[in-house]
PDB file of N, CA and C in Angstrom:
ATOM      1  N   MET A   1     107.084 119.551 119.207  1.00  0.00           N
ATOM      2  CA  MET A   1     106.477 120.813 119.544  1.00  0.00           C
ATOM      3  C   MET A   1     106.913 121.850 118.511  1.00  0.00           C
ATOM      4  N   ALA A   2     105.989 122.640 118.059  1.00  0.00           N
ATOM      5  CA  ALA A   2     106.254 123.616 117.003  1.00  0.00           C
ATOM      6  C   ALA A   2     107.297 124.652 117.409  1.00  0.00           C
ATOM      7  N   VAL A   3     107.281 125.068 118.661  1.00  0.00           N
ATOM      8  CA  VAL A   3     108.243 126.081 119.115  1.00  0.00           C
ATOM      9  C   VAL A   3     109.658 125.527 119.034  1.00  0.00           C
ATOM     10  N   ARG A   4     109.870 124.341 119.534  1.00  0.00           N
ATOM     11  CA  ARG A   4     111.209 123.743 119.532  1.00  0.00           C
ATOM     12  C   ARG A   4     111.725 123.505 118.112  1.00  0.00           C
ATOM     13  N   ALA A   5     110.835 123.216 117.198  1.00  0.00           N
ATOM     14  CA  ALA A   5     111.239 122.934 115.820  1.00  0.00           C
ATOM     15  C   ALA A   5     111.479 124.208 115.008  1.00  0.00           C
ATOM     16  N   SER A   6     111.101 125.353 115.535  1.00  0.00           N
ATOM     17  CA  SER A   6     111.235 126.609 114.783  1.00  0.00           C
ATOM     18  C   SER A   6     112.683 127.103 114.779  1.00  0.00           C
ATOM     19  N   ASP A   7     112.950 128.059 113.921  1.00  0.00           N
ATOM     20  CA  ASP A   7     114.264 128.703 113.865  1.00  0.00           C
ATOM     21  C   ASP A   7     114.327 129.928 114.773  1.00  0.00           C
ATOM     22  N   LEU A   8     113.276 130.204 115.515  1.00  0.00           N
ATOM     23  CA  LEU A   8     113.212 131.370 116.387  1.00  0.00           C
ATOM     24  C   LEU A   8     114.060 131.172 117.633  1.00  0.00           C
ATOM     25  N   GLU A   9     114.417 132.288 118.265  1.00  0.00           N
ATOM     26  CA  GLU A   9     115.044 132.232 119.574  1.00  0.00           C
ATOM     27  C   GLU A   9     113.915 132.213 120.597  1.00  0.00           C
ATOM     28  N   TRP A  10     113.841 131.185 121.417  1.00  0.00           N
ATOM     29  CA  TRP A  10     112.752 131.041 122.365  1.00  0.00           C
ATOM     30  C   TRP A  10     113.290 130.567 123.705  1.00  0.00           C
ATOM     31  N   VAL A  11     112.508 130.818 124.734  1.00  0.00           N
ATOM     32  CA  VAL A  11     112.753 130.293 126.079  1.00  0.00           C
ATOM     33  C   VAL A  11     111.396 129.850 126.613  1.00  0.00           C
ATOM     34  N   LEU A  12     111.286 128.599 127.005  1.00  0.00           N
ATOM     35  CA  LEU A  12     110.054 128.074 127.603  1.00  0.00           C
ATOM     36  C   LEU A  12     110.283 127.966 129.115  1.00  0.00           C
ATOM     37  N   VAL A  13     109.818 128.961 129.846  1.00  0.00           N
ATOM     38  CA  VAL A  13     110.007 128.982 131.293  1.00  0.00           C
ATOM     39  C   VAL A  13     108.904 128.162 131.945  1.00  0.00           C
ATOM     40  N   ARG A  14     109.309 127.246 132.829  1.00  0.00           N
ATOM     41  CA  ARG A  14     108.373 126.337 133.493  1.00  0.00           C
ATOM     42  C   ARG A  14     108.298 126.667 134.984  1.00  0.00           C
ATOM     43  N   PRO A  15     107.347 127.541 135.364  1.00  0.00           N
ATOM     44  CA  PRO A  15     107.223 127.892 136.782  1.00  0.00           C
ATOM     45  C   PRO A  15     106.365 126.892 137.540  1.00  0.00           C
ATOM     46  N   PRO A  16     106.592 126.773 138.869  1.00  0.00           N
ATOM     47  CA  PRO A  16     105.685 125.981 139.699  1.00  0.00           C
ATOM     48  C   PRO A  16     104.510 126.863 140.123  1.00  0.00           C
ATOM     49  N   ARG A  17     103.998 126.651 141.283  1.00  0.00           N
ATOM     50  CA  ARG A  17     102.850 127.403 141.809  1.00  0.00           C
ATOM     51  C   ARG A  17     103.223 128.877 142.001  1.00  0.00           C
ATOM     52  N   PHE A  18     102.350 129.776 141.521  1.00  0.00           N
ATOM     53  CA  PHE A  18     102.552 131.217 141.678  1.00  0.00           C
ATOM     54  C   PHE A  18     102.073 131.670 143.049  1.00  0.00           C
ATOM     55  N   VAL A  19     102.830 132.570 143.689  1.00  0.00           N
ATOM     56  CA  VAL A  19     102.400 133.186 144.942  1.00  0.00           C
ATOM     57  C   VAL A  19     102.648 134.688 144.860  1.00  0.00           C
ATOM     58  N   THR A  20     101.868 135.416 145.614  1.00  0.00           N
ATOM     59  CA  THR A  20     102.065 136.850 145.737  1.00  0.00           C
ATOM     60  C   THR A  20     102.803 137.088 147.038  1.00  0.00           C
ATOM     61  N   GLY A  21     103.830 137.879 146.992  1.00  0.00           N
ATOM     62  CA  GLY A  21     104.586 138.158 148.206  1.00  0.00           C
ATOM     63  C   GLY A  21     105.767 139.046 147.905  1.00  0.00           C
ATOM     64  N   LYS A  22     106.543 139.294 148.933  1.00  0.00           N
ATOM     65  CA  LYS A  22     107.729 140.125 148.806  1.00  0.00           C
ATOM     66  C   LYS A  22     108.753 139.400 147.930  1.00  0.00           C
ATOM     67  N   PRO A  23     109.297 140.083 146.916  1.00  0.00           N
ATOM     68  CA  PRO A  23     110.306 139.437 146.063  1.00  0.00           C
ATOM     69  C   PRO A  23     111.506 138.987 146.885  1.00  0.00           C
ATOM     70  N   GLN A  24     112.015 137.810 146.599  1.00  0.00           N
ATOM     71  CA  GLN A  24     113.189 137.290 147.287  1.00  0.00           C
ATOM     72  C   GLN A  24     114.481 137.791 146.641  1.00  0.00           C
ATOM     73  N   GLY A  25     114.381 138.257 145.390  1.00  0.00           N
ATOM     74  CA  GLY A  25     115.552 138.817 144.717  1.00  0.00           C
ATOM     75  C   GLY A  25     116.410 137.792 144.012  1.00  0.00           C
ATOM     76  N   SER A  26     116.128 136.533 144.184  1.00  0.00           N
ATOM     77  CA  SER A  26     116.885 135.468 143.537  1.00  0.00           C
ATOM     78  C   SER A  26     115.951 134.306 143.272  1.00  0.00           C
ATOM     79  N   ILE A  27     116.272 133.567 142.235  1.00  0.00           N
ATOM     80  CA  ILE A  27     115.489 132.371 141.967  1.00  0.00           C
ATOM     81  C   ILE A  27     116.415 131.199 141.723  1.00  0.00           C
ATOM     82  N   ARG A  28     115.878 130.037 141.859  1.00  0.00           N
ATOM     83  CA  ARG A  28     116.604 128.792 141.582  1.00  0.00           C
ATOM     84  C   ARG A  28     116.195 128.332 140.196  1.00  0.00           C
ATOM     85  N   VAL A  29     117.175 127.954 139.395  1.00  0.00           N
ATOM     86  CA  VAL A  29     116.917 127.522 138.021  1.00  0.00           C
ATOM     87  C   VAL A  29     117.334 126.061 137.884  1.00  0.00           C
ATOM     88  N   LEU A  30     116.424 125.249 137.379  1.00  0.00           N
ATOM     89  CA  LEU A  30     116.729 123.850 137.072  1.00  0.00           C
ATOM     90  C   LEU A  30     116.694 123.692 135.554  1.00  0.00           C
ATOM     91  N   SER A  31     117.770 123.192 135.009  1.00  0.00           N
ATOM     92  CA  SER A  31     117.795 122.926 133.573  1.00  0.00           C
ATOM     93  C   SER A  31     116.836 121.793 133.253  1.00  0.00           C
ATOM     94  N   GLU A  32     116.407 121.737 132.028  1.00  0.00           N
ATOM     95  CA  GLU A  32     115.497 120.675 131.606  1.00  0.00           C
ATOM     96  C   GLU A  32     116.138 119.316 131.875  1.00  0.00           C
ATOM     97  N   GLY A  33     115.403 118.447 132.535  1.00  0.00           N
ATOM     98  CA  GLY A  33     115.900 117.119 132.868  1.00  0.00           C
ATOM     99  C   GLY A  33     116.593 117.052 134.217  1.00  0.00           C
ATOM    100  N   GLU A  34     116.945 118.196 134.800  1.00  0.00           N
ATOM    101  CA  GLU A  34     117.590 118.224 136.110  1.00  0.00           C
ATOM    102  C   GLU A  34     116.549 117.977 137.185  1.00  0.00           C
ATOM    103  N   ARG A  35     116.885 117.142 138.159  1.00  0.00           N
ATOM    104  CA  ARG A  35     115.945 116.819 139.229  1.00  0.00           C
ATOM    105  C   ARG A  35     116.049 117.836 140.349  1.00  0.00           C
ATOM    106  N   GLY A  36     114.939 118.093 140.981  1.00  0.00           N
ATOM    107  CA  GLY A  36     114.907 119.015 142.111  1.00  0.00           C
ATOM    108  C   GLY A  36     113.475 119.384 142.429  1.00  0.00           C
ATOM    109  N   HIS A  37     113.290 120.097 143.507  1.00  0.00           N
ATOM    110  CA  HIS A  37     111.955 120.490 143.962  1.00  0.00           C
ATOM    111  C   HIS A  37     111.856 122.007 143.972  1.00  0.00           C
ATOM    112  N   LEU A  38     110.857 122.521 143.291  1.00  0.00           N
ATOM    113  CA  LEU A  38     110.567 123.953 143.280  1.00  0.00           C
ATOM    114  C   LEU A  38     109.134 124.114 143.760  1.00  0.00           C
ATOM    115  N   GLY A  39     108.944 124.572 144.969  1.00  0.00           N
ATOM    116  CA  GLY A  39     107.608 124.625 145.541  1.00  0.00           C
ATOM    117  C   GLY A  39     106.744 125.769 145.050  1.00  0.00           C
ATOM    118  N   HIS A  40     107.357 126.925 144.821  1.00  0.00           N
ATOM    119  CA  HIS A  40     106.579 128.081 144.399  1.00  0.00           C
ATOM    120  C   HIS A  40     107.511 129.111 143.757  1.00  0.00           C
ATOM    121  N   VAL A  41     106.899 130.115 143.135  1.00  0.00           N
ATOM    122  CA  VAL A  41     107.662 131.249 142.621  1.00  0.00           C
ATOM    123  C   VAL A  41     106.868 132.514 142.923  1.00  0.00           C
ATOM    124  N   VAL A  42     107.553 133.497 143.492  1.00  0.00           N
ATOM    125  CA  VAL A  42     106.935 134.799 143.728  1.00  0.00           C
ATOM    126  C   VAL A  42     106.811 135.483 142.366  1.00  0.00           C
ATOM    127  N   ARG A  43     105.645 136.015 142.086  1.00  0.00           N
ATOM    128  CA  ARG A  43     105.381 136.609 140.767  1.00  0.00           C
ATOM    129  C   ARG A  43     106.436 137.642 140.370  1.00  0.00           C
ATOM    130  N   ALA A  44     106.861 138.481 141.307  1.00  0.00           N
ATOM    131  CA  ALA A  44     107.861 139.512 141.001  1.00  0.00           C
ATOM    132  C   ALA A  44     109.213 138.888 140.651  1.00  0.00           C
ATOM    133  N   ASP A  45     109.584 137.793 141.314  1.00  0.00           N
ATOM    134  CA  ASP A  45     110.837 137.105 140.984  1.00  0.00           C
ATOM    135  C   ASP A  45     110.774 136.518 139.578  1.00  0.00           C
ATOM    136  N   LEU A  46     109.632 135.938 139.235  1.00  0.00           N
ATOM    137  CA  LEU A  46     109.467 135.379 137.891  1.00  0.00           C
ATOM    138  C   LEU A  46     109.547 136.482 136.842  1.00  0.00           C
ATOM    139  N   ALA A  47     108.918 137.615 137.104  1.00  0.00           N
ATOM    140  CA  ALA A  47     108.955 138.730 136.161  1.00  0.00           C
ATOM    141  C   ALA A  47     110.392 139.187 135.929  1.00  0.00           C
ATOM    142  N   GLY A  48     111.163 139.296 136.989  1.00  0.00           N
ATOM    143  CA  GLY A  48     112.569 139.681 136.860  1.00  0.00           C
ATOM    144  C   GLY A  48     113.365 138.679 136.041  1.00  0.00           C
ATOM    145  N   PHE A  49     113.099 137.396 136.259  1.00  0.00           N
ATOM    146  CA  PHE A  49     113.784 136.360 135.488  1.00  0.00           C
ATOM    147  C   PHE A  49     113.443 136.459 134.006  1.00  0.00           C
ATOM    148  N   LEU A  50     112.166 136.691 133.702  1.00  0.00           N
ATOM    149  CA  LEU A  50     111.749 136.807 132.303  1.00  0.00           C
ATOM    150  C   LEU A  50     112.409 138.005 131.623  1.00  0.00           C
ATOM    151  N   VAL A  51     112.488 139.127 132.329  1.00  0.00           N
ATOM    152  CA  VAL A  51     113.146 140.312 131.767  1.00  0.00           C
ATOM    153  C   VAL A  51     114.622 140.026 131.515  1.00  0.00           C
ATOM    154  N   ASP A  52     115.294 139.387 132.476  1.00  0.00           N
ATOM    155  CA  ASP A  52     116.714 139.039 132.296  1.00  0.00           C
ATOM    156  C   ASP A  52     116.909 138.109 131.102  1.00  0.00           C
ATOM    157  N   CYS A  53     116.038 137.133 130.960  1.00  0.00           N
ATOM    158  CA  CYS A  53     116.142 136.207 129.820  1.00  0.00           C
ATOM    159  C   CYS A  53     116.067 136.974 128.501  1.00  0.00           C
ATOM    160  N   ALA A  54     115.131 137.901 128.403  1.00  0.00           N
ATOM    161  CA  ALA A  54     114.953 138.660 127.163  1.00  0.00           C
ATOM    162  C   ALA A  54     116.091 139.651 126.938  1.00  0.00           C
ATOM    163  N   ALA A  55     116.484 140.364 127.971  1.00  0.00           N
ATOM    164  CA  ALA A  55     117.493 141.413 127.829  1.00  0.00           C
ATOM    165  C   ALA A  55     118.901 140.868 127.619  1.00  0.00           C
ATOM    166  N   GLU A  56     119.201 139.724 128.216  1.00  0.00           N
ATOM    167  CA  GLU A  56     120.557 139.180 128.178  1.00  0.00           C
ATOM    168  C   GLU A  56     120.670 137.907 127.344  1.00  0.00           C
ATOM    169  N   SER A  57     119.605 137.558 126.643  1.00  0.00           N
ATOM    170  CA  SER A  57     119.581 136.336 125.819  1.00  0.00           C
ATOM    171  C   SER A  57     120.012 135.098 126.604  1.00  0.00           C
ATOM    172  N   LYS A  58     119.486 134.965 127.817  1.00  0.00           N
ATOM    173  CA  LYS A  58     119.788 133.794 128.646  1.00  0.00           C
ATOM    174  C   LYS A  58     118.833 132.662 128.308  1.00  0.00           C
ATOM    175  N   TYR A  59     119.306 131.434 128.403  1.00  0.00           N
ATOM    176  CA  TYR A  59     118.503 130.221 128.247  1.00  0.00           C
ATOM    177  C   TYR A  59     117.816 130.120 126.879  1.00  0.00           C
ATOM    178  N   VAL A  60     118.444 130.656 125.850  1.00  0.00           N
ATOM    179  CA  VAL A  60     117.863 130.598 124.507  1.00  0.00           C
ATOM    180  C   VAL A  60     117.798 129.140 124.058  1.00  0.00           C
ATOM    181  N   ARG A  61     116.640 128.730 123.537  1.00  0.00           N
ATOM    182  CA  ARG A  61     116.346 127.381 123.065  1.00  0.00           C
ATOM    183  C   ARG A  61     116.425 126.350 124.205  1.00  0.00           C
ATOM    184  N   GLU A  62     116.054 126.805 125.405  1.00  0.00           N
ATOM    185  CA  GLU A  62     116.020 125.941 126.580  1.00  0.00           C
ATOM    186  C   GLU A  62     114.666 126.079 127.267  1.00  0.00           C
ATOM    187  N   ALA A  63     114.380 125.146 128.185  1.00  0.00           N
ATOM    188  CA  ALA A  63     113.121 125.173 128.942  1.00  0.00           C
ATOM    189  C   ALA A  63     113.419 125.015 130.437  1.00  0.00           C
ATOM    190  N   PRO A  64     113.965 126.067 131.062  1.00  0.00           N
ATOM    191  CA  PRO A  64     114.298 125.964 132.482  1.00  0.00           C
ATOM    192  C   PRO A  64     113.057 126.024 133.371  1.00  0.00           C
ATOM    193  N   ALA A  65     113.136 125.333 134.501  1.00  0.00           N
ATOM    194  CA  ALA A  65     112.127 125.457 135.551  1.00  0.00           C
ATOM    195  C   ALA A  65     112.692 126.428 136.578  1.00  0.00           C
ATOM    196  N   VAL A  66     111.851 127.288 137.138  1.00  0.00           N
ATOM    197  CA  VAL A  66     112.325 128.298 138.077  1.00  0.00           C
ATOM    198  C   VAL A  66     111.453 128.337 139.320  1.00  0.00           C
ATOM    199  N   GLY A  67     112.052 128.691 140.441  1.00  0.00           N
ATOM    200  CA  GLY A  67     111.309 128.847 141.680  1.00  0.00           C
ATOM    201  C   GLY A  67     112.018 129.845 142.570  1.00  0.00           C
ATOM    202  N   SER A  68     111.293 130.479 143.470  1.00  0.00           N
ATOM    203  CA  SER A  68     111.868 131.468 144.379  1.00  0.00           C
ATOM    204  C   SER A  68     112.672 130.776 145.470  1.00  0.00           C
ATOM    205  N   LEU A  69     113.797 131.379 145.809  1.00  0.00           N
ATOM    206  CA  LEU A  69     114.586 130.918 146.943  1.00  0.00           C
ATOM    207  C   LEU A  69     114.031 131.547 148.201  1.00  0.00           C
ATOM    208  N   MET A  70     114.053 130.808 149.289  1.00  0.00           N
ATOM    209  CA  MET A  70     113.582 131.344 150.560  1.00  0.00           C
ATOM    210  C   MET A  70     114.801 131.696 151.403  1.00  0.00           C
ATOM    211  N   LEU A  71     114.753 132.830 152.095  1.00  0.00           N
ATOM    212  CA  LEU A  71     115.885 133.283 152.901  1.00  0.00           C
ATOM    213  C   LEU A  71     116.342 132.227 153.895  1.00  0.00           C
ATOM    214  N   SER A  72     115.428 131.448 154.449  1.00  0.00           N
ATOM    215  CA  SER A  72     115.798 130.449 155.451  1.00  0.00           C
ATOM    216  C   SER A  72     116.626 129.322 154.862  1.00  0.00           C
ATOM    217  N   ARG A  73     116.630 129.165 153.547  1.00  0.00           N
ATOM    218  CA  ARG A  73     117.384 128.091 152.913  1.00  0.00           C
ATOM    219  C   ARG A  73     118.766 128.532 152.446  1.00  0.00           C
ATOM    220  N   VAL A  74     119.091 129.804 152.604  1.00  0.00           N
ATOM    221  CA  VAL A  74     120.295 130.332 152.002  1.00  0.00           C
ATOM    222  C   VAL A  74     121.269 130.764 153.078  1.00  0.00           C
ATOM    223  N   ALA A  75     122.535 130.371 152.934  1.00  0.00           N
ATOM    224  CA  ALA A  75     123.549 130.743 153.902  1.00  0.00           C
ATOM    225  C   ALA A  75     124.021 132.177 153.695  1.00  0.00           C
ATOM    226  N   GLN A  76     124.009 132.661 152.471  1.00  0.00           N
ATOM    227  CA  GLN A  76     124.409 134.035 152.203  1.00  0.00           C
ATOM    228  C   GLN A  76     123.454 134.652 151.208  1.00  0.00           C
ATOM    229  N   TRP A  77     123.447 135.971 151.140  1.00  0.00           N
ATOM    230  CA  TRP A  77     122.522 136.676 150.256  1.00  0.00           C
ATOM    231  C   TRP A  77     123.287 137.649 149.403  1.00  0.00           C
ATOM    232  N   PRO A  78     123.154 137.644 148.090  1.00  0.00           N
ATOM    233  CA  PRO A  78     122.406 136.668 147.311  1.00  0.00           C
ATOM    234  C   PRO A  78     123.131 135.329 147.291  1.00  0.00           C
ATOM    235  N   PRO A  79     122.417 134.245 147.035  1.00  0.00           N
ATOM    236  CA  PRO A  79     123.034 132.919 147.055  1.00  0.00           C
ATOM    237  C   PRO A  79     124.019 132.747 145.911  1.00  0.00           C
ATOM    238  N   PRO A  80     125.072 131.971 146.127  1.00  0.00           N
ATOM    239  CA  PRO A  80     126.023 131.713 145.044  1.00  0.00           C
ATOM    240  C   PRO A  80     125.366 130.881 143.947  1.00  0.00           C
ATOM    241  N   GLU A  81     125.902 130.982 142.745  1.00  0.00           N
ATOM    242  CA  GLU A  81     125.349 130.256 141.589  1.00  0.00           C
ATOM    243  C   GLU A  81     125.273 128.758 141.868  1.00  0.00           C
ATOM    244  N   SER A  82     126.263 128.200 142.561  1.00  0.00           N
ATOM    245  CA  SER A  82     126.263 126.760 142.823  1.00  0.00           C
ATOM    246  C   SER A  82     125.064 126.356 143.673  1.00  0.00           C
ATOM    247  N   HIS A  83     124.596 127.239 144.567  1.00  0.00           N
ATOM    248  CA  HIS A  83     123.427 126.911 145.387  1.00  0.00           C
ATOM    249  C   HIS A  83     122.162 126.900 144.534  1.00  0.00           C
ATOM    250  N   GLN A  84     122.079 127.795 143.565  1.00  0.00           N
ATOM    251  CA  GLN A  84     120.896 127.853 142.727  1.00  0.00           C
ATOM    252  C   GLN A  84     120.752 126.609 141.879  1.00  0.00           C
ATOM    253  N   GLN A  85     121.823 125.921 141.592  1.00  0.00           N
ATOM    254  CA  GLN A  85     121.778 124.739 140.747  1.00  0.00           C
ATOM    255  C   GLN A  85     121.650 123.446 141.553  1.00  0.00           C
ATOM    256  N   ARG A  86     121.818 123.504 142.874  1.00  0.00           N
ATOM    257  CA  ARG A  86     121.796 122.305 143.709  1.00  0.00           C
ATOM    258  C   ARG A  86     120.366 121.863 144.003  1.00  0.00           C
ATOM    259  N   PRO A  87     120.038 120.589 143.819  1.00  0.00           N
ATOM    260  CA  PRO A  87     118.686 120.109 144.156  1.00  0.00           C
ATOM    261  C   PRO A  87     118.409 120.270 145.643  1.00  0.00           C
ATOM    262  N   ASP A  88     117.171 120.564 145.999  1.00  0.00           N
ATOM    263  CA  ASP A  88     116.784 120.690 147.395  1.00  0.00           C
ATOM    264  C   ASP A  88     116.932 119.356 148.098  1.00  0.00           C
ATOM    265  N   ARG A  89     117.357 119.403 149.333  1.00  0.00           N
ATOM    266  CA  ARG A  89     117.469 118.196 150.151  1.00  0.00           C
ATOM    267  C   ARG A  89     116.214 117.993 150.993  1.00  0.00           C
ATOM    268  N   ASP A  90     115.559 119.082 151.412  1.00  0.00           N
ATOM    269  CA  ASP A  90     114.399 119.015 152.280  1.00  0.00           C
ATOM    270  C   ASP A  90     113.149 119.339 151.480  1.00  0.00           C
ATOM    271  N   LEU A  91     112.394 118.320 151.101  1.00  0.00           N
ATOM    272  CA  LEU A  91     111.224 118.513 150.256  1.00  0.00           C
ATOM    273  C   LEU A  91     109.992 118.965 151.041  1.00  0.00           C
ATOM    274  N   ASN A  92     110.075 118.972 152.364  1.00  0.00           N
ATOM    275  CA  ASN A  92     108.912 119.300 153.178  1.00  0.00           C
ATOM    276  C   ASN A  92     108.897 120.747 153.653  1.00  0.00           C
ATOM    277  N   ARG A  93     109.788 121.593 153.159  1.00  0.00           N
ATOM    278  CA  ARG A  93     109.864 122.960 153.655  1.00  0.00           C
ATOM    279  C   ARG A  93     109.170 123.953 152.737  1.00  0.00           C
ATOM    280  N   ASP A  94     108.327 123.506 151.830  1.00  0.00           N
ATOM    281  CA  ASP A  94     107.589 124.393 150.932  1.00  0.00           C
ATOM    282  C   ASP A  94     106.551 125.155 151.742  1.00  0.00           C
ATOM    283  N   ARG A  95     106.659 126.473 151.705  1.00  0.00           N
ATOM    284  CA  ARG A  95     105.678 127.298 152.401  1.00  0.00           C
ATOM    285  C   ARG A  95     105.642 128.672 151.764  1.00  0.00           C
ATOM    286  N   ASP A  96     104.516 129.335 151.919  1.00  0.00           N
ATOM    287  CA  ASP A  96     104.371 130.699 151.408  1.00  0.00           C
ATOM    288  C   ASP A  96     104.926 131.668 152.427  1.00  0.00           C
ATOM    289  N   LEU A  97     105.490 132.747 151.948  1.00  0.00           N
ATOM    290  CA  LEU A  97     105.986 133.786 152.854  1.00  0.00           C
ATOM    291  C   LEU A  97     104.962 134.867 153.003  1.00  0.00           C
TER     292      LEU A  97
END
């Protein structure tokens, strides 16, 4: 891929299905090659992630997949970093808010 072969600083964000809804304020990030299920991403959450990537030089030369966290899946708010990296156990709980 031309982007990966370039000398530029790039981030290839791989979102799942887009939904419109109230921002959850946190997203789950899966590194490239990491297994897990991301059912959807709220557009506002994705926008915030993209701004953070650009402003803080996060995930440079990486291709993370991102998805919105649902309040029902989180024991505390905001979720700890370890929860954002953990693969989902329940693949049947994908739903729009």
